[in-house]
Structure formats: C-alpha cells, structure tokens
N, C-alpha and C. Protein backbone atom coordinates (compact mmCIF):
# COMPACT_ATOMS: atom_id res chain seq x y z
N UNK A 1 4.21 -55.03 21.21
CA UNK A 1 3.39 -54.30 22.15
C UNK A 1 2.61 -53.21 21.42
N UNK A 2 1.35 -53.13 21.69
CA UNK A 2 0.49 -52.14 21.04
C UNK A 2 0.63 -50.82 21.77
N UNK A 3 0.81 -49.75 21.01
CA UNK A 3 0.91 -48.42 21.61
C UNK A 3 -0.40 -48.05 22.30
N UNK A 4 -0.28 -47.29 23.37
CA UNK A 4 -1.46 -46.88 24.13
C UNK A 4 -2.41 -46.06 23.26
N UNK A 5 -1.86 -45.25 22.37
CA UNK A 5 -2.73 -44.40 21.56
C UNK A 5 -3.55 -45.23 20.57
N UNK A 6 -3.06 -46.39 20.17
CA UNK A 6 -3.84 -47.25 19.28
C UNK A 6 -5.04 -47.81 20.04
N UNK A 7 -4.83 -48.17 21.30
CA UNK A 7 -5.95 -48.63 22.13
C UNK A 7 -6.99 -47.52 22.30
N UNK A 8 -6.51 -46.28 22.45
CA UNK A 8 -7.44 -45.16 22.58
C UNK A 8 -8.29 -45.02 21.33
N UNK A 9 -7.68 -45.11 20.16
CA UNK A 9 -8.42 -44.97 18.91
C UNK A 9 -9.43 -46.11 18.73
N UNK A 10 -9.06 -47.30 19.13
CA UNK A 10 -9.98 -48.43 19.00
C UNK A 10 -11.19 -48.29 19.92
N UNK A 11 -11.02 -47.56 21.02
CA UNK A 11 -12.12 -47.39 21.96
C UNK A 11 -13.07 -46.25 21.56
N UNK A 12 -12.71 -45.49 20.54
CA UNK A 12 -13.51 -44.35 20.13
C UNK A 12 -14.53 -44.74 19.06
N UNK A 13 -15.42 -43.82 18.80
CA UNK A 13 -16.40 -43.95 17.73
C UNK A 13 -15.65 -44.12 16.40
N UNK A 14 -16.21 -44.85 15.47
CA UNK A 14 -15.56 -45.11 14.19
C UNK A 14 -15.27 -43.81 13.43
N UNK A 15 -16.20 -42.87 13.43
CA UNK A 15 -16.00 -41.61 12.72
C UNK A 15 -14.85 -40.81 13.32
N UNK A 16 -14.78 -40.78 14.64
CA UNK A 16 -13.69 -40.05 15.30
C UNK A 16 -12.35 -40.71 15.00
N UNK A 17 -12.30 -42.02 15.08
CA UNK A 17 -11.06 -42.74 14.81
C UNK A 17 -10.58 -42.50 13.39
N UNK A 18 -11.49 -42.54 12.43
CA UNK A 18 -11.09 -42.29 11.04
C UNK A 18 -10.55 -40.89 10.84
N UNK A 19 -11.18 -39.91 11.47
CA UNK A 19 -10.72 -38.53 11.36
C UNK A 19 -9.32 -38.37 11.97
N UNK A 20 -9.10 -39.00 13.11
CA UNK A 20 -7.78 -38.93 13.74
C UNK A 20 -6.73 -39.64 12.89
N UNK A 21 -7.07 -40.79 12.33
CA UNK A 21 -6.14 -41.47 11.42
C UNK A 21 -5.78 -40.58 10.23
N UNK A 22 -6.75 -39.88 9.67
CA UNK A 22 -6.47 -38.96 8.56
C UNK A 22 -5.51 -37.85 8.98
N UNK A 23 -5.71 -37.33 10.17
CA UNK A 23 -4.84 -36.26 10.66
C UNK A 23 -3.44 -36.79 10.93
N UNK A 24 -3.33 -38.00 11.46
CA UNK A 24 -2.01 -38.60 11.67
C UNK A 24 -1.28 -38.77 10.34
N UNK A 25 -2.00 -39.21 9.32
CA UNK A 25 -1.39 -39.33 7.99
C UNK A 25 -0.89 -37.98 7.49
N UNK A 26 -1.66 -36.93 7.71
CA UNK A 26 -1.23 -35.60 7.30
C UNK A 26 0.02 -35.17 8.05
N UNK A 27 0.07 -35.44 9.34
CA UNK A 27 1.25 -35.08 10.13
C UNK A 27 2.48 -35.83 9.62
N UNK A 28 2.34 -37.12 9.36
CA UNK A 28 3.46 -37.93 8.89
C UNK A 28 3.93 -37.49 7.52
N UNK A 29 2.99 -37.06 6.67
CA UNK A 29 3.33 -36.60 5.32
C UNK A 29 3.67 -35.12 5.24
N UNK A 30 3.77 -34.47 6.39
CA UNK A 30 4.12 -33.05 6.48
C UNK A 30 3.10 -32.15 5.78
N UNK A 31 1.86 -32.56 5.71
CA UNK A 31 0.78 -31.76 5.13
C UNK A 31 0.00 -31.12 6.29
N UNK A 32 0.61 -30.17 6.97
CA UNK A 32 0.04 -29.61 8.20
C UNK A 32 -0.52 -28.20 8.00
N UNK A 33 -0.86 -27.85 6.81
CA UNK A 33 -1.32 -26.50 6.51
C UNK A 33 -2.52 -26.08 7.33
N UNK A 34 -3.54 -26.90 7.40
CA UNK A 34 -4.79 -26.52 8.06
C UNK A 34 -4.94 -27.11 9.46
N UNK A 35 -3.88 -27.65 9.99
CA UNK A 35 -3.94 -28.27 11.31
C UNK A 35 -3.50 -27.28 12.39
N UNK A 36 -4.07 -27.44 13.57
CA UNK A 36 -3.72 -26.59 14.70
C UNK A 36 -2.58 -27.25 15.47
N UNK A 37 -1.34 -26.92 15.08
CA UNK A 37 -0.16 -27.54 15.66
C UNK A 37 0.68 -26.45 16.33
N UNK A 38 1.13 -26.77 17.55
CA UNK A 38 1.99 -25.85 18.29
C UNK A 38 3.09 -26.64 18.98
N UNK A 39 4.27 -26.05 19.12
CA UNK A 39 5.33 -26.73 19.87
C UNK A 39 5.03 -26.70 21.36
N UNK A 40 5.46 -27.72 22.05
CA UNK A 40 5.30 -27.76 23.50
C UNK A 40 6.51 -27.07 24.14
N UNK A 41 6.25 -26.20 25.07
CA UNK A 41 7.33 -25.40 25.66
C UNK A 41 8.18 -26.21 26.64
N UNK A 42 7.64 -27.26 27.19
CA UNK A 42 8.35 -28.02 28.21
C UNK A 42 9.18 -29.17 27.67
N UNK A 43 9.09 -29.45 26.37
CA UNK A 43 9.89 -30.52 25.75
C UNK A 43 10.38 -30.06 24.39
N UNK A 44 11.65 -30.24 24.13
CA UNK A 44 12.21 -29.87 22.84
C UNK A 44 11.81 -30.89 21.78
N UNK A 45 11.45 -30.41 20.61
CA UNK A 45 11.03 -31.23 19.47
C UNK A 45 9.73 -31.99 19.71
N UNK A 46 8.94 -31.56 20.66
CA UNK A 46 7.61 -32.13 20.90
C UNK A 46 6.56 -31.13 20.43
N UNK A 47 5.51 -31.66 19.82
CA UNK A 47 4.44 -30.82 19.28
C UNK A 47 3.10 -31.42 19.66
N UNK A 48 2.08 -30.57 19.62
CA UNK A 48 0.74 -31.06 19.85
C UNK A 48 -0.15 -30.60 18.71
N UNK A 49 -1.07 -31.46 18.36
CA UNK A 49 -2.08 -31.16 17.35
C UNK A 49 -3.43 -31.25 18.03
N UNK A 50 -4.23 -30.22 17.86
CA UNK A 50 -5.54 -30.15 18.52
C UNK A 50 -6.64 -30.54 17.55
N UNK A 51 -7.49 -31.48 17.98
CA UNK A 51 -8.68 -31.88 17.23
C UNK A 51 -9.82 -31.94 18.24
N UNK A 52 -10.75 -31.07 18.13
CA UNK A 52 -11.85 -30.95 19.08
C UNK A 52 -11.28 -30.91 20.49
N UNK A 53 -11.63 -31.87 21.33
CA UNK A 53 -11.07 -31.91 22.69
C UNK A 53 -10.02 -33.02 22.83
N UNK A 54 -9.50 -33.49 21.72
CA UNK A 54 -8.48 -34.54 21.69
C UNK A 54 -7.16 -33.91 21.26
N UNK A 55 -6.07 -34.36 21.88
CA UNK A 55 -4.75 -33.86 21.53
C UNK A 55 -3.87 -35.02 21.06
N UNK A 56 -3.07 -34.73 20.05
CA UNK A 56 -2.07 -35.67 19.56
C UNK A 56 -0.71 -35.08 19.91
N UNK A 57 0.07 -35.79 20.69
CA UNK A 57 1.41 -35.36 21.04
C UNK A 57 2.38 -36.20 20.20
N UNK A 58 3.26 -35.50 19.51
CA UNK A 58 4.23 -36.22 18.68
C UNK A 58 5.57 -35.52 18.73
N UNK A 59 6.59 -36.20 18.25
CA UNK A 59 7.94 -35.67 18.26
C UNK A 59 8.58 -35.85 16.89
N UNK A 60 9.53 -34.96 16.61
CA UNK A 60 10.35 -35.08 15.40
C UNK A 60 11.78 -35.34 15.86
N UNK A 61 12.42 -36.35 15.30
CA UNK A 61 13.80 -36.62 15.69
C UNK A 61 14.77 -35.92 14.72
N UNK A 62 16.03 -36.21 14.87
CA UNK A 62 17.07 -35.54 14.08
C UNK A 62 16.88 -35.78 12.58
N UNK A 63 16.40 -36.95 12.21
CA UNK A 63 16.19 -37.30 10.80
C UNK A 63 14.83 -36.84 10.28
N UNK A 64 14.13 -36.01 11.04
CA UNK A 64 12.81 -35.49 10.70
C UNK A 64 11.76 -36.58 10.58
N UNK A 65 11.93 -37.64 11.35
CA UNK A 65 10.93 -38.69 11.40
C UNK A 65 9.93 -38.37 12.51
N UNK A 66 8.68 -38.68 12.26
CA UNK A 66 7.61 -38.38 13.20
C UNK A 66 7.31 -39.63 14.03
N UNK A 67 7.16 -39.44 15.34
CA UNK A 67 6.74 -40.52 16.23
C UNK A 67 5.59 -40.02 17.09
N UNK A 68 4.46 -40.69 16.98
CA UNK A 68 3.29 -40.34 17.78
C UNK A 68 3.53 -40.86 19.20
N UNK A 69 3.48 -39.97 20.16
CA UNK A 69 3.73 -40.34 21.55
C UNK A 69 2.44 -40.66 22.30
N UNK A 70 1.43 -39.81 22.12
CA UNK A 70 0.22 -39.98 22.91
C UNK A 70 -0.96 -39.32 22.22
N UNK A 71 -2.12 -39.93 22.35
CA UNK A 71 -3.38 -39.34 21.90
C UNK A 71 -4.36 -39.52 23.06
N UNK A 72 -4.91 -38.41 23.51
CA UNK A 72 -5.84 -38.48 24.63
C UNK A 72 -6.67 -37.21 24.67
N UNK A 73 -7.56 -37.16 25.64
CA UNK A 73 -8.40 -35.97 25.82
C UNK A 73 -7.60 -34.83 26.43
N UNK A 74 -8.01 -33.64 26.16
CA UNK A 74 -7.32 -32.42 26.59
C UNK A 74 -7.07 -32.40 28.09
N UNK A 75 -8.05 -32.77 28.88
CA UNK A 75 -7.92 -32.62 30.32
C UNK A 75 -6.99 -33.64 30.97
N UNK A 76 -6.57 -34.67 30.26
CA UNK A 76 -5.68 -35.68 30.84
C UNK A 76 -4.36 -35.85 30.12
N UNK A 77 -4.17 -35.25 28.99
CA UNK A 77 -2.99 -35.54 28.18
C UNK A 77 -1.69 -35.01 28.78
N UNK A 78 -1.73 -33.89 29.45
CA UNK A 78 -0.49 -33.27 29.92
C UNK A 78 -0.06 -33.72 31.31
N UNK A 79 -0.71 -34.73 31.85
CA UNK A 79 -0.34 -35.23 33.18
C UNK A 79 0.84 -36.16 33.10
C-alpha cells in the first residue's frame, strides 16, 4: 500500500517534490540544523517540519527511527 504522503508528493510540482524529498532525507539522517522543526504538544514523540505552507509530520520511536506520518498543506494537516 502506498502511503498517502507519497501520493501527495507525486501530485506536486517536480521542484517542490524534490525539495521535500531532500528535507525528508535530512530528517532521516538527523541533519536538522537549518530546518524549522518543533514538537507537537498533543502527541508524544511527534514532530512537525515546516516548509513554506507544507508541513511534514513525523514520529521518532524508542529506537530513534523516523517514520513519516503525513505531508500536507498547513490548513488541513492538523485535522
């Protein structure tokens, strides 16, 4: 089954998709120095990364593995 966020990236402009893929790679490799990342207050171990008006919601588990949960626009992501 294809993750919903992969469908979102495929529906976007090629330049936007490439930029988001680069940021996902940085998150997975723990290279988050210049990224706008904040923890979500309503879920433990959930974080959001802001890119323009797009948000990446991801989680870290006990083994410090990253799982991308959702990528969507700011106005619809938190519903």
